[in-house]
Amino acid sequence: MTEATLSITNPEEILALFGPRDQHLRKLRRLFDVSITQRDGHIRVSGDGQSVERAMRALEKLRLVSRKKGQLSPGDVETAASEEGAIVEGAAAKIILGDEEIDVQHAGRRIKPRTAGQARYVEAIRKFDLTFATGPAGCGKTYLAVAMAVEALRSNQIRKIVLVRPAVEAGESLGFLPGDLRAKLNPYLRPLMDALGEMVDFDQARNLMEQDVIEVIPLAYMRGRTLNDAFIILDEAQNTTVAQMKMFLTRMGERSKMVVSGDVTQQDLPRGVTSGLRDAMRRLAKIDAIGMVRLQASDIVRHHLVQKIVEAYDDVGHHESNTVHGESKDQH
């Protein structure tokens, strides 16, 4: 038997969390097969270890939703529960969390978090000057970071956006690729440009880049710089070395924000080379002023098949890692 406690001192928050006549509480008990009680501002969850952990995560998500919306719907409860592995009959397909929009001031574009994980990601970027985010392809790591950068620029919180990506992904050097510098960089930086293009008109983006208000550059070009009043995004950070990551993080200047994102399962570094993203998240884990968000397959918002594909590859990877002996898991 495992027990965990969640402290909530605000009576209105407890009422919102439990729902009318405790209907949300009863649903959570049934879905996770746990006991949930409340006394003196403490919510106690007891039962099987994994069930308690999942129920606690669902409660934390629901507390965040209730703070944003002031109330909870049955759909919110079902969504949070299903994201934590509960089997919900007819669960809402659309995530209701994340009503707070990201204002990119683009006609026809309404951008907001679509999953609980994405909501935590956006909240972390707003709260912290440095945020790390990991997660599989399609969960919005790059897209939401670029949207937050555009919002910060539009609202004059910053004067410059710098979009950065490692330009060497499989041991290749730019010098060995065909074409001029622009042609060499285009394949590496295109995903960042694609995200930017959905939020800023083409002509406007081109003008901002000509004025050096928006920079899209390879990681190597960050050396020796200090960026003040800037929003800096490092994409595909799993393909940085430890030295490159240290160099990048120390570029942060006054009144700047940094977002570092990557998918640790898609590392293209040579065998035996430690990922700068893994290393940094381990080294900096105890610094409270740094945000760290781990997105999951449930946060994927691309075509519905993408989530199933990612899960299928994860299942195969876990099976292979359990059958291969004598090699570090970081090398797979």
C-alpha atoms as a PDB file:
ATOM      1  CA  MET A   1       0.000   0.000   0.000  1.00  0.00           C
ATOM      2  CA  THR A   2       1.360   3.426  -1.023  1.00  0.00           C
ATOM      3  CA  GLU A   3       0.180   6.813   0.195  1.00  0.00           C
ATOM      4  CA  ALA A   4       0.845  10.326  -1.128  1.00  0.00           C
ATOM      5  CA  THR A   5      -0.343  13.751   0.020  1.00  0.00           C
ATOM      6  CA  LEU A   6      -1.250  16.910  -1.885  1.00  0.00           C
ATOM      7  CA  SER A   7      -1.559  20.108   0.182  1.00  0.00           C
ATOM      8  CA  ILE A   8      -4.289  22.549  -0.836  1.00  0.00           C
ATOM      9  CA  THR A   9      -5.256  25.243   1.666  1.00  0.00           C
ATOM     10  CA  ASN A  10      -7.724  27.166  -0.511  1.00  0.00           C
ATOM     11  CA  PRO A  11     -11.259  25.797   0.117  1.00  0.00           C
ATOM     12  CA  GLU A  12     -12.505  27.067  -3.261  1.00  0.00           C
ATOM     13  CA  GLU A  13      -9.710  25.197  -5.012  1.00  0.00           C
ATOM     14  CA  ILE A  14     -10.643  21.995  -3.192  1.00  0.00           C
ATOM     15  CA  LEU A  15     -14.304  22.436  -4.181  1.00  0.00           C
ATOM     16  CA  ALA A  16     -13.350  22.965  -7.821  1.00  0.00           C
ATOM     17  CA  LEU A  17     -11.068  19.941  -7.745  1.00  0.00           C
ATOM     18  CA  PHE A  18     -13.675  17.647  -6.188  1.00  0.00           C
ATOM     19  CA  GLY A  19     -16.591  18.955  -8.282  1.00  0.00           C
ATOM     20  CA  PRO A  20     -20.323  19.241  -7.496  1.00  0.00           C
ATOM     21  CA  ARG A  21     -21.291  16.563  -4.984  1.00  0.00           C
ATOM     22  CA  ASP A  22     -17.709  15.234  -5.274  1.00  0.00           C
ATOM     23  CA  GLN A  23     -18.378  13.896  -8.792  1.00  0.00           C
ATOM     24  CA  HIS A  24     -14.799  14.562  -9.976  1.00  0.00           C
ATOM     25  CA  LEU A  25     -13.392  12.891  -6.867  1.00  0.00           C
ATOM     26  CA  ARG A  26     -15.557   9.792  -7.355  1.00  0.00           C
ATOM     27  CA  LYS A  27     -14.517   9.555 -11.004  1.00  0.00           C
ATOM     28  CA  LEU A  28     -10.828   9.719 -10.140  1.00  0.00           C
ATOM     29  CA  ARG A  29     -11.241   7.040  -7.455  1.00  0.00           C
ATOM     30  CA  ARG A  30     -12.925   4.737  -9.957  1.00  0.00           C
ATOM     31  CA  LEU A  31     -10.549   5.379 -12.865  1.00  0.00           C
ATOM     32  CA  PHE A  32      -7.360   4.868 -10.843  1.00  0.00           C
ATOM     33  CA  ASP A  33      -8.748   2.377  -8.295  1.00  0.00           C
ATOM     34  CA  VAL A  34      -7.408   4.397  -5.368  1.00  0.00           C
ATOM     35  CA  SER A  35      -8.727   5.882  -2.149  1.00  0.00           C
ATOM     36  CA  ILE A  36      -8.836   9.694  -2.049  1.00  0.00           C
ATOM     37  CA  THR A  37      -9.682  11.586   1.141  1.00  0.00           C
ATOM     38  CA  GLN A  38      -9.394  15.200   2.248  1.00  0.00           C
ATOM     39  CA  ARG A  39      -8.805  16.616   5.707  1.00  0.00           C
ATOM     40  CA  ASP A  40      -7.365  19.885   7.028  1.00  0.00           C
ATOM     41  CA  GLY A  41      -6.147  21.042   3.619  1.00  0.00           C
ATOM     42  CA  HIS A  42      -4.464  17.733   2.759  1.00  0.00           C
ATOM     43  CA  ILE A  43      -5.643  15.397   0.015  1.00  0.00           C
ATOM     44  CA  ARG A  44      -4.431  11.843   0.643  1.00  0.00           C
ATOM     45  CA  VAL A  45      -4.258   9.262  -2.101  1.00  0.00           C
ATOM     46  CA  SER A  46      -3.620   5.627  -1.194  1.00  0.00           C
ATOM     47  CA  GLY A  47      -3.514   2.374  -3.096  1.00  0.00           C
ATOM     48  CA  ASP A  48      -1.201   0.530  -5.479  1.00  0.00           C
ATOM     49  CA  GLY A  49       2.101   2.388  -5.997  1.00  0.00           C
ATOM     50  CA  GLN A  50       1.771   3.128  -9.723  1.00  0.00           C
ATOM     51  CA  SER A  51      -1.915   3.955  -9.428  1.00  0.00           C
ATOM     52  CA  VAL A  52      -1.183   6.463  -6.671  1.00  0.00           C
ATOM     53  CA  GLU A  53       1.542   8.096  -8.758  1.00  0.00           C
ATOM     54  CA  ARG A  54      -0.757   8.419 -11.772  1.00  0.00           C
ATOM     55  CA  ALA A  55      -3.618   9.750  -9.679  1.00  0.00           C
ATOM     56  CA  MET A  56      -1.346  12.342  -8.061  1.00  0.00           C
ATOM     57  CA  ARG A  57      -0.131  13.530 -11.469  1.00  0.00           C
ATOM     58  CA  ALA A  58      -3.737  13.796 -12.650  1.00  0.00           C
ATOM     59  CA  LEU A  59      -4.647  15.827  -9.551  1.00  0.00           C
ATOM     60  CA  GLU A  60      -1.726  18.194 -10.160  1.00  0.00           C
ATOM     61  CA  LYS A  61      -2.852  18.719 -13.755  1.00  0.00           C
ATOM     62  CA  LEU A  62      -6.419  19.343 -12.656  1.00  0.00           C
ATOM     63  CA  ARG A  63      -5.288  21.841 -10.032  1.00  0.00           C
ATOM     64  CA  LEU A  64      -3.505  23.764 -12.798  1.00  0.00           C
ATOM     65  CA  VAL A  65      -6.630  23.674 -14.980  1.00  0.00           C
ATOM     66  CA  SER A  66      -8.860  24.877 -12.149  1.00  0.00           C
ATOM     67  CA  ARG A  67      -6.516  27.776 -11.435  1.00  0.00           C
ATOM     68  CA  LYS A  68      -6.672  28.847 -15.065  1.00  0.00           C
ATOM     69  CA  LYS A  69     -10.396  28.329 -15.589  1.00  0.00           C
ATOM     70  CA  GLY A  70     -11.819  28.679 -12.090  1.00  0.00           C
ATOM     71  CA  GLN A  71     -13.688  25.389 -12.459  1.00  0.00           C
ATOM     72  CA  LEU A  72     -13.418  21.885 -13.875  1.00  0.00           C
ATOM     73  CA  SER A  73     -15.633  19.986 -16.268  1.00  0.00           C
ATOM     74  CA  PRO A  74     -16.053  16.194 -16.470  1.00  0.00           C
ATOM     75  CA  GLY A  75     -14.109  16.385 -19.740  1.00  0.00           C
ATOM     76  CA  ASP A  76     -11.143  17.972 -17.971  1.00  0.00           C
ATOM     77  CA  VAL A  77     -11.107  15.112 -15.456  1.00  0.00           C
ATOM     78  CA  GLU A  78     -11.353  12.458 -18.178  1.00  0.00           C
ATOM     79  CA  THR A  79      -8.582  14.095 -20.198  1.00  0.00           C
ATOM     80  CA  ALA A  80      -6.187  14.310 -17.246  1.00  0.00           C
ATOM     81  CA  ALA A  81      -6.955  10.726 -16.251  1.00  0.00           C
ATOM     82  CA  SER A  82      -6.523   9.325 -19.769  1.00  0.00           C
ATOM     83  CA  GLU A  83      -3.187  11.140 -20.126  1.00  0.00           C
ATOM     84  CA  GLU A  84      -1.996   9.266 -17.043  1.00  0.00           C
ATOM     85  CA  GLY A  85      -2.999   5.880 -18.408  1.00  0.00           C
ATOM     86  CA  ALA A  86      -6.545   5.514 -17.110  1.00  0.00           C
ATOM     87  CA  ILE A  87      -8.996   3.876 -19.511  1.00  0.00           C
ATOM     88  CA  VAL A  88     -11.811   6.369 -20.026  1.00  0.00           C
ATOM     89  CA  GLU A  89     -14.884   5.428 -22.027  1.00  0.00           C
ATOM     90  CA  GLY A  90     -15.600   8.183 -24.537  1.00  0.00           C
ATOM     91  CA  ALA A  91     -12.821  10.409 -23.240  1.00  0.00           C
ATOM     92  CA  ALA A  92     -12.709  13.889 -24.714  1.00  0.00           C
ATOM     93  CA  ALA A  93     -10.487  13.925 -27.788  1.00  0.00           C
ATOM     94  CA  LYS A  94      -9.653  17.591 -27.423  1.00  0.00           C
ATOM     95  CA  ILE A  95      -7.551  18.788 -24.505  1.00  0.00           C
ATOM     96  CA  ILE A  96      -9.392  21.562 -22.705  1.00  0.00           C
ATOM     97  CA  LEU A  97      -6.350  22.715 -20.766  1.00  0.00           C
ATOM     98  CA  GLY A  98      -4.469  25.746 -22.001  1.00  0.00           C
ATOM     99  CA  ASP A  99      -7.080  28.487 -22.455  1.00  0.00           C
ATOM    100  CA  GLU A 100      -4.343  31.093 -22.226  1.00  0.00           C
ATOM    101  CA  GLU A 101      -3.468  31.989 -25.806  1.00  0.00           C
ATOM    102  CA  ILE A 102      -0.042  32.975 -27.085  1.00  0.00           C
ATOM    103  CA  ASP A 103      -0.509  36.347 -28.764  1.00  0.00           C
ATOM    104  CA  VAL A 104       1.447  36.357 -32.043  1.00  0.00           C
ATOM    105  CA  GLN A 105      -0.770  39.133 -33.490  1.00  0.00           C
ATOM    106  CA  HIS A 106      -1.211  37.269 -36.762  1.00  0.00           C
ATOM    107  CA  ALA A 107      -4.590  37.402 -38.473  1.00  0.00           C
ATOM    108  CA  GLY A 108      -6.278  34.034 -38.319  1.00  0.00           C
ATOM    109  CA  ARG A 109      -3.704  32.441 -35.990  1.00  0.00           C
ATOM    110  CA  ARG A 110      -4.881  31.417 -32.524  1.00  0.00           C
ATOM    111  CA  ILE A 111      -2.081  29.541 -30.783  1.00  0.00           C
ATOM    112  CA  LYS A 112      -2.500  27.926 -27.391  1.00  0.00           C
ATOM    113  CA  PRO A 113      -1.407  24.764 -25.575  1.00  0.00           C
ATOM    114  CA  ARG A 114      -3.440  21.744 -26.603  1.00  0.00           C
ATOM    115  CA  THR A 115      -2.297  19.281 -23.932  1.00  0.00           C
ATOM    116  CA  ALA A 116      -1.489  19.398 -20.229  1.00  0.00           C
ATOM    117  CA  GLY A 117       2.199  18.928 -20.993  1.00  0.00           C
ATOM    118  CA  GLN A 118       2.177  21.797 -23.477  1.00  0.00           C
ATOM    119  CA  ALA A 119       0.470  24.009 -20.895  1.00  0.00           C
ATOM    120  CA  ARG A 120       3.245  23.239 -18.388  1.00  0.00           C
ATOM    121  CA  TYR A 121       5.812  24.004 -21.092  1.00  0.00           C
ATOM    122  CA  VAL A 122       4.312  27.418 -21.899  1.00  0.00           C
ATOM    123  CA  GLU A 123       3.938  28.215 -18.209  1.00  0.00           C
ATOM    124  CA  ALA A 124       7.602  27.325 -17.603  1.00  0.00           C
ATOM    125  CA  ILE A 125       8.768  29.591 -20.446  1.00  0.00           C
ATOM    126  CA  ARG A 126       6.760  32.467 -19.001  1.00  0.00           C
ATOM    127  CA  LYS A 127       8.118  31.849 -15.499  1.00  0.00           C
ATOM    128  CA  PHE A 128      11.791  31.027 -16.067  1.00  0.00           C
ATOM    129  CA  ASP A 129      14.582  32.752 -17.981  1.00  0.00           C
ATOM    130  CA  LEU A 130      15.987  29.339 -18.927  1.00  0.00           C
ATOM    131  CA  THR A 131      13.773  26.379 -19.795  1.00  0.00           C
ATOM    132  CA  PHE A 132      14.734  22.878 -20.930  1.00  0.00           C
ATOM    133  CA  ALA A 133      12.185  20.727 -22.749  1.00  0.00           C
ATOM    134  CA  THR A 134      12.479  17.138 -23.945  1.00  0.00           C
ATOM    135  CA  GLY A 135       9.946  15.075 -25.796  1.00  0.00           C
ATOM    136  CA  PRO A 136       9.190  13.117 -28.977  1.00  0.00           C
ATOM    137  CA  ALA A 137       8.622  14.566 -32.427  1.00  0.00           C
ATOM    138  CA  GLY A 138       5.349  16.408 -32.854  1.00  0.00           C
ATOM    139  CA  CYS A 139       4.742  17.506 -29.260  1.00  0.00           C
ATOM    140  CA  GLY A 140       5.211  21.224 -29.997  1.00  0.00           C
ATOM    141  CA  LYS A 141       8.657  21.851 -28.500  1.00  0.00           C
ATOM    142  CA  THR A 142       9.870  24.087 -31.329  1.00  0.00           C
ATOM    143  CA  TYR A 143       6.519  25.486 -32.420  1.00  0.00           C
ATOM    144  CA  LEU A 144       5.439  26.751 -28.995  1.00  0.00           C
ATOM    145  CA  ALA A 145       8.900  28.152 -28.204  1.00  0.00           C
ATOM    146  CA  VAL A 146       8.889  30.151 -31.448  1.00  0.00           C
ATOM    147  CA  ALA A 147       5.348  31.364 -30.694  1.00  0.00           C
ATOM    148  CA  MET A 148       6.451  32.554 -27.248  1.00  0.00           C
ATOM    149  CA  ALA A 149       9.434  34.329 -28.823  1.00  0.00           C
ATOM    150  CA  VAL A 150       7.205  36.126 -31.340  1.00  0.00           C
ATOM    151  CA  GLU A 151       4.837  37.145 -28.533  1.00  0.00           C
ATOM    152  CA  ALA A 152       7.752  38.538 -26.511  1.00  0.00           C
ATOM    153  CA  LEU A 153       8.978  40.507 -29.528  1.00  0.00           C
ATOM    154  CA  ARG A 154       5.518  41.889 -30.335  1.00  0.00           C
ATOM    155  CA  SER A 155       5.016  43.030 -26.744  1.00  0.00           C
ATOM    156  CA  ASN A 156       8.476  44.695 -26.630  1.00  0.00           C
ATOM    157  CA  GLN A 157       9.725  42.393 -23.859  1.00  0.00           C
ATOM    158  CA  ILE A 158      12.765  41.662 -26.032  1.00  0.00           C
ATOM    159  CA  ARG A 159      14.477  43.301 -29.014  1.00  0.00           C
ATOM    160  CA  LYS A 160      15.745  40.230 -30.836  1.00  0.00           C
ATOM    161  CA  ILE A 161      14.893  36.589 -31.582  1.00  0.00           C
ATOM    162  CA  VAL A 162      17.750  34.145 -32.143  1.00  0.00           C
ATOM    163  CA  LEU A 163      16.858  30.684 -33.467  1.00  0.00           C
ATOM    164  CA  VAL A 164      19.745  28.230 -33.163  1.00  0.00           C
ATOM    165  CA  ARG A 165      20.322  24.659 -34.266  1.00  0.00           C
ATOM    166  CA  PRO A 166      23.361  22.367 -34.362  1.00  0.00           C
ATOM    167  CA  ALA A 167      24.542  22.425 -37.972  1.00  0.00           C
ATOM    168  CA  VAL A 168      26.315  19.091 -37.682  1.00  0.00           C
ATOM    169  CA  GLU A 169      23.963  16.195 -36.993  1.00  0.00           C
ATOM    170  CA  ALA A 170      25.725  13.021 -38.136  1.00  0.00           C
ATOM    171  CA  GLY A 171      29.409  13.792 -37.867  1.00  0.00           C
ATOM    172  CA  GLU A 172      29.313  15.883 -41.048  1.00  0.00           C
ATOM    173  CA  SER A 173      31.047  19.235 -41.421  1.00  0.00           C
ATOM    174  CA  LEU A 174      29.410  22.139 -43.250  1.00  0.00           C
ATOM    175  CA  GLY A 175      32.497  22.374 -45.427  1.00  0.00           C
ATOM    176  CA  PHE A 176      31.716  19.000 -47.015  1.00  0.00           C
ATOM    177  CA  LEU A 177      28.185  19.963 -48.017  1.00  0.00           C
ATOM    178  CA  PRO A 178      27.495  21.414 -51.498  1.00  0.00           C
ATOM    179  CA  GLY A 179      26.589  25.050 -52.216  1.00  0.00           C
ATOM    180  CA  ASP A 180      27.208  28.394 -50.560  1.00  0.00           C
ATOM    181  CA  LEU A 181      26.714  29.045 -46.843  1.00  0.00           C
ATOM    182  CA  ARG A 182      22.977  29.749 -47.208  1.00  0.00           C
ATOM    183  CA  ALA A 183      22.453  26.492 -49.144  1.00  0.00           C
ATOM    184  CA  LYS A 184      24.493  24.553 -46.595  1.00  0.00           C
ATOM    185  CA  LEU A 185      22.515  25.864 -43.638  1.00  0.00           C
ATOM    186  CA  ASN A 186      19.044  25.647 -45.155  1.00  0.00           C
ATOM    187  CA  PRO A 187      18.368  21.932 -44.399  1.00  0.00           C
ATOM    188  CA  TYR A 188      19.351  22.395 -40.746  1.00  0.00           C
ATOM    189  CA  LEU A 189      17.450  25.612 -40.098  1.00  0.00           C
ATOM    190  CA  ARG A 190      14.345  24.930 -42.203  1.00  0.00           C
ATOM    191  CA  PRO A 191      12.230  23.511 -39.295  1.00  0.00           C
ATOM    192  CA  LEU A 192      12.741  26.741 -37.341  1.00  0.00           C
ATOM    193  CA  MET A 193      11.845  28.814 -40.398  1.00  0.00           C
ATOM    194  CA  ASP A 194       8.735  26.717 -40.991  1.00  0.00           C
ATOM    195  CA  ALA A 195       7.515  27.420 -37.442  1.00  0.00           C
ATOM    196  CA  LEU A 196       8.302  31.124 -37.794  1.00  0.00           C
ATOM    197  CA  GLY A 197       6.496  31.262 -41.135  1.00  0.00           C
ATOM    198  CA  GLU A 198       3.219  30.237 -39.510  1.00  0.00           C
ATOM    199  CA  MET A 199       3.313  33.234 -37.171  1.00  0.00           C
ATOM    200  CA  VAL A 200       4.933  36.050 -39.151  1.00  0.00           C
ATOM    201  CA  ASP A 201       4.110  37.037 -42.739  1.00  0.00           C
ATOM    202  CA  PHE A 202       6.848  36.160 -45.224  1.00  0.00           C
ATOM    203  CA  ASP A 203       7.666  39.762 -46.175  1.00  0.00           C
ATOM    204  CA  GLN A 204       7.674  40.841 -42.556  1.00  0.00           C
ATOM    205  CA  ALA A 205       9.905  37.945 -41.532  1.00  0.00           C
ATOM    206  CA  ARG A 206      12.321  38.787 -44.342  1.00  0.00           C
ATOM    207  CA  ASN A 207      12.430  42.442 -43.266  1.00  0.00           C
ATOM    208  CA  LEU A 208      13.020  41.490 -39.632  1.00  0.00           C
ATOM    209  CA  MET A 209      15.846  39.180 -40.672  1.00  0.00           C
ATOM    210  CA  GLU A 210      17.402  41.883 -42.851  1.00  0.00           C
ATOM    211  CA  GLN A 211      17.256  44.238 -39.861  1.00  0.00           C
ATOM    212  CA  ASP A 212      18.870  41.532 -37.701  1.00  0.00           C
ATOM    213  CA  VAL A 213      15.840  41.483 -35.387  1.00  0.00           C
ATOM    214  CA  ILE A 214      15.418  37.770 -36.171  1.00  0.00           C
ATOM    215  CA  GLU A 215      18.498  35.597 -36.575  1.00  0.00           C
ATOM    216  CA  VAL A 216      18.422  31.966 -37.669  1.00  0.00           C
ATOM    217  CA  ILE A 217      21.925  30.583 -37.210  1.00  0.00           C
ATOM    218  CA  PRO A 218      23.897  27.383 -36.593  1.00  0.00           C
ATOM    219  CA  LEU A 219      25.171  26.763 -33.080  1.00  0.00           C
ATOM    220  CA  ALA A 220      28.825  27.295 -34.046  1.00  0.00           C
ATOM    221  CA  TYR A 221      28.064  30.949 -34.843  1.00  0.00           C
ATOM    222  CA  MET A 222      27.100  31.619 -31.201  1.00  0.00           C
ATOM    223  CA  ARG A 223      30.668  31.413 -29.938  1.00  0.00           C
ATOM    224  CA  GLY A 224      32.000  34.626 -28.440  1.00  0.00           C
ATOM    225  CA  ARG A 225      28.635  36.408 -28.340  1.00  0.00           C
ATOM    226  CA  THR A 226      26.618  37.788 -25.427  1.00  0.00           C
ATOM    227  CA  LEU A 227      22.946  38.396 -26.167  1.00  0.00           C
ATOM    228  CA  ASN A 228      20.999  40.980 -24.178  1.00  0.00           C
ATOM    229  CA  ASP A 229      17.239  41.626 -24.532  1.00  0.00           C
ATOM    230  CA  ALA A 230      16.915  38.491 -26.654  1.00  0.00           C
ATOM    231  CA  PHE A 231      14.792  35.356 -26.851  1.00  0.00           C
ATOM    232  CA  ILE A 232      17.136  32.520 -27.799  1.00  0.00           C
ATOM    233  CA  ILE A 233      15.927  29.061 -28.830  1.00  0.00           C
ATOM    234  CA  LEU A 234      18.231  26.067 -29.232  1.00  0.00           C
ATOM    235  CA  ASP A 235      16.464  23.334 -31.198  1.00  0.00           C
ATOM    236  CA  GLU A 236      17.609  19.698 -31.592  1.00  0.00           C
ATOM    237  CA  ALA A 237      19.759  20.189 -28.496  1.00  0.00           C
ATOM    238  CA  GLN A 238      20.290  16.446 -28.070  1.00  0.00           C
ATOM    239  CA  ASN A 239      22.887  16.761 -30.849  1.00  0.00           C
ATOM    240  CA  THR A 240      25.122  19.179 -28.943  1.00  0.00           C
ATOM    241  CA  THR A 241      28.253  18.058 -27.136  1.00  0.00           C
ATOM    242  CA  VAL A 242      28.828  18.964 -23.495  1.00  0.00           C
ATOM    243  CA  ALA A 243      31.266  21.719 -24.522  1.00  0.00           C
ATOM    244  CA  GLN A 244      28.836  23.140 -27.082  1.00  0.00           C
ATOM    245  CA  MET A 245      26.019  23.223 -24.555  1.00  0.00           C
ATOM    246  CA  LYS A 246      28.169  25.046 -22.008  1.00  0.00           C
ATOM    247  CA  MET A 247      29.178  27.548 -24.694  1.00  0.00           C
ATOM    248  CA  PHE A 248      25.545  28.133 -25.663  1.00  0.00           C
ATOM    249  CA  LEU A 249      24.186  28.531 -22.131  1.00  0.00           C
ATOM    250  CA  THR A 250      26.861  31.083 -21.238  1.00  0.00           C
ATOM    251  CA  ARG A 251      25.766  33.338 -24.129  1.00  0.00           C
ATOM    252  CA  MET A 252      22.751  34.516 -22.120  1.00  0.00           C
ATOM    253  CA  GLY A 253      22.814  38.230 -21.396  1.00  0.00           C
ATOM    254  CA  GLU A 254      20.703  40.643 -19.383  1.00  0.00           C
ATOM    255  CA  ARG A 255      16.903  40.571 -19.800  1.00  0.00           C
ATOM    256  CA  SER A 256      17.078  37.513 -22.042  1.00  0.00           C
ATOM    257  CA  LYS A 257      15.233  34.206 -22.187  1.00  0.00           C
ATOM    258  CA  MET A 258      16.518  30.863 -23.405  1.00  0.00           C
ATOM    259  CA  VAL A 259      14.620  27.729 -24.399  1.00  0.00           C
ATOM    260  CA  VAL A 260      16.592  24.519 -25.006  1.00  0.00           C
ATOM    261  CA  SER A 261      14.634  21.675 -26.584  1.00  0.00           C
ATOM    262  CA  GLY A 262      15.355  18.247 -28.001  1.00  0.00           C
ATOM    263  CA  ASP A 263      14.412  14.598 -28.251  1.00  0.00           C
ATOM    264  CA  VAL A 264      16.909  12.465 -26.328  1.00  0.00           C
ATOM    265  CA  THR A 265      15.767   9.361 -28.221  1.00  0.00           C
ATOM    266  CA  GLN A 266      16.897  10.860 -31.552  1.00  0.00           C
ATOM    267  CA  GLN A 267      20.566  11.515 -30.792  1.00  0.00           C
ATOM    268  CA  ASP A 268      22.860  11.606 -33.856  1.00  0.00           C
ATOM    269  CA  LEU A 269      26.173  12.130 -32.071  1.00  0.00           C
ATOM    270  CA  PRO A 270      28.988   9.623 -32.639  1.00  0.00           C
ATOM    271  CA  ARG A 271      28.943   6.583 -30.368  1.00  0.00           C
ATOM    272  CA  GLY A 272      30.500   7.346 -27.002  1.00  0.00           C
ATOM    273  CA  VAL A 273      29.905  11.119 -27.191  1.00  0.00           C
ATOM    274  CA  THR A 274      27.731  12.412 -24.337  1.00  0.00           C
ATOM    275  CA  SER A 275      24.747  14.536 -25.322  1.00  0.00           C
ATOM    276  CA  GLY A 276      25.017  18.095 -24.038  1.00  0.00           C
ATOM    277  CA  LEU A 277      21.259  18.121 -23.421  1.00  0.00           C
ATOM    278  CA  ARG A 278      21.310  15.045 -21.177  1.00  0.00           C
ATOM    279  CA  ASP A 279      24.392  16.344 -19.373  1.00  0.00           C
ATOM    280  CA  ALA A 280      22.981  19.838 -18.790  1.00  0.00           C
ATOM    281  CA  MET A 281      19.656  18.586 -17.461  1.00  0.00           C
ATOM    282  CA  ARG A 282      21.526  16.357 -15.012  1.00  0.00           C
ATOM    283  CA  ARG A 283      23.956  19.077 -13.894  1.00  0.00           C
ATOM    284  CA  LEU A 284      21.345  21.810 -13.545  1.00  0.00           C
ATOM    285  CA  ALA A 285      18.472  19.759 -12.115  1.00  0.00           C
ATOM    286  CA  LYS A 286      18.791  21.224  -8.611  1.00  0.00           C
ATOM    287  CA  ILE A 287      18.707  24.883  -9.694  1.00  0.00           C
ATOM    288  CA  ASP A 288      15.195  26.110  -8.853  1.00  0.00           C
ATOM    289  CA  ALA A 289      15.425  29.098 -11.217  1.00  0.00           C
ATOM    290  CA  ILE A 290      15.575  26.806 -14.266  1.00  0.00           C
ATOM    291  CA  GLY A 291      12.480  25.237 -15.791  1.00  0.00           C
ATOM    292  CA  MET A 292      12.549  21.603 -16.920  1.00  0.00           C
ATOM    293  CA  VAL A 293       9.634  20.066 -18.806  1.00  0.00           C
ATOM    294  CA  ARG A 294       9.414  16.499 -20.095  1.00  0.00           C
ATOM    295  CA  LEU A 295       6.758  16.120 -22.765  1.00  0.00           C
ATOM    296  CA  GLN A 296       5.322  12.685 -23.556  1.00  0.00           C
ATOM    297  CA  ALA A 297       3.786  10.838 -26.494  1.00  0.00           C
ATOM    298  CA  SER A 298       0.396  12.006 -25.172  1.00  0.00           C
ATOM    299  CA  ASP A 299       1.470  15.586 -26.002  1.00  0.00           C
ATOM    300  CA  ILE A 300       1.895  14.878 -29.729  1.00  0.00           C
ATOM    301  CA  VAL A 301      -0.481  17.060 -31.737  1.00  0.00           C
ATOM    302  CA  ARG A 302       0.460  16.147 -35.304  1.00  0.00           C
ATOM    303  CA  HIS A 303      -1.435  13.588 -37.384  1.00  0.00           C
ATOM    304  CA  HIS A 304      -2.984  11.018 -35.040  1.00  0.00           C
ATOM    305  CA  LEU A 305      -0.733   8.295 -36.477  1.00  0.00           C
ATOM    306  CA  VAL A 306       2.428  10.093 -35.288  1.00  0.00           C
ATOM    307  CA  GLN A 307       1.661   9.291 -31.643  1.00  0.00           C
ATOM    308  CA  LYS A 308       1.109   5.605 -32.485  1.00  0.00           C
ATOM    309  CA  ILE A 309       4.345   5.520 -34.512  1.00  0.00           C
ATOM    310  CA  VAL A 310       6.365   7.051 -31.660  1.00  0.00           C
ATOM    311  CA  GLU A 311       4.870   4.620 -29.157  1.00  0.00           C
ATOM    312  CA  ALA A 312       5.622   1.660 -31.446  1.00  0.00           C
ATOM    313  CA  TYR A 313       9.264   2.668 -31.783  1.00  0.00           C
ATOM    314  CA  ASP A 314       9.526   3.286 -28.032  1.00  0.00           C
ATOM    315  CA  ASP A 315       8.172  -0.204 -27.332  1.00  0.00           C
ATOM    316  CA  VAL A 316      10.708  -1.770 -29.703  1.00  0.00           C
ATOM    317  CA  GLY A 317      13.515   0.338 -28.230  1.00  0.00           C
ATOM    318  CA  HIS A 318      12.680  -0.721 -24.679  1.00  0.00           C
ATOM    319  CA  HIS A 319      12.589  -4.365 -25.718  1.00  0.00           C
ATOM    320  CA  GLU A 320      15.954  -4.098 -27.494  1.00  0.00           C
ATOM    321  CA  SER A 321      17.573  -2.264 -24.574  1.00  0.00           C
ATOM    322  CA  ASN A 322      16.505  -5.068 -22.278  1.00  0.00           C
ATOM    323  CA  THR A 323      18.037  -7.745 -24.514  1.00  0.00           C
ATOM    324  CA  VAL A 324      21.372  -6.069 -25.350  1.00  0.00           C
ATOM    325  CA  HIS A 325      24.047  -6.450 -22.700  1.00  0.00           C
ATOM    326  CA  GLY A 326      27.326  -4.650 -22.134  1.00  0.00           C
ATOM    327  CA  GLU A 327      26.333  -1.332 -23.812  1.00  0.00           C
ATOM    328  CA  SER A 328      25.188   1.924 -22.243  1.00  0.00           C
ATOM    329  CA  LYS A 329      21.550   2.866 -22.838  1.00  0.00           C
ATOM    330  CA  ASP A 330      22.718   6.370 -23.801  1.00  0.00           C
ATOM    331  CA  GLN A 331      24.411   4.846 -26.823  1.00  0.00           C
ATOM    332  CA  HIS A 332      21.196   3.540 -28.384  1.00  0.00           C
END
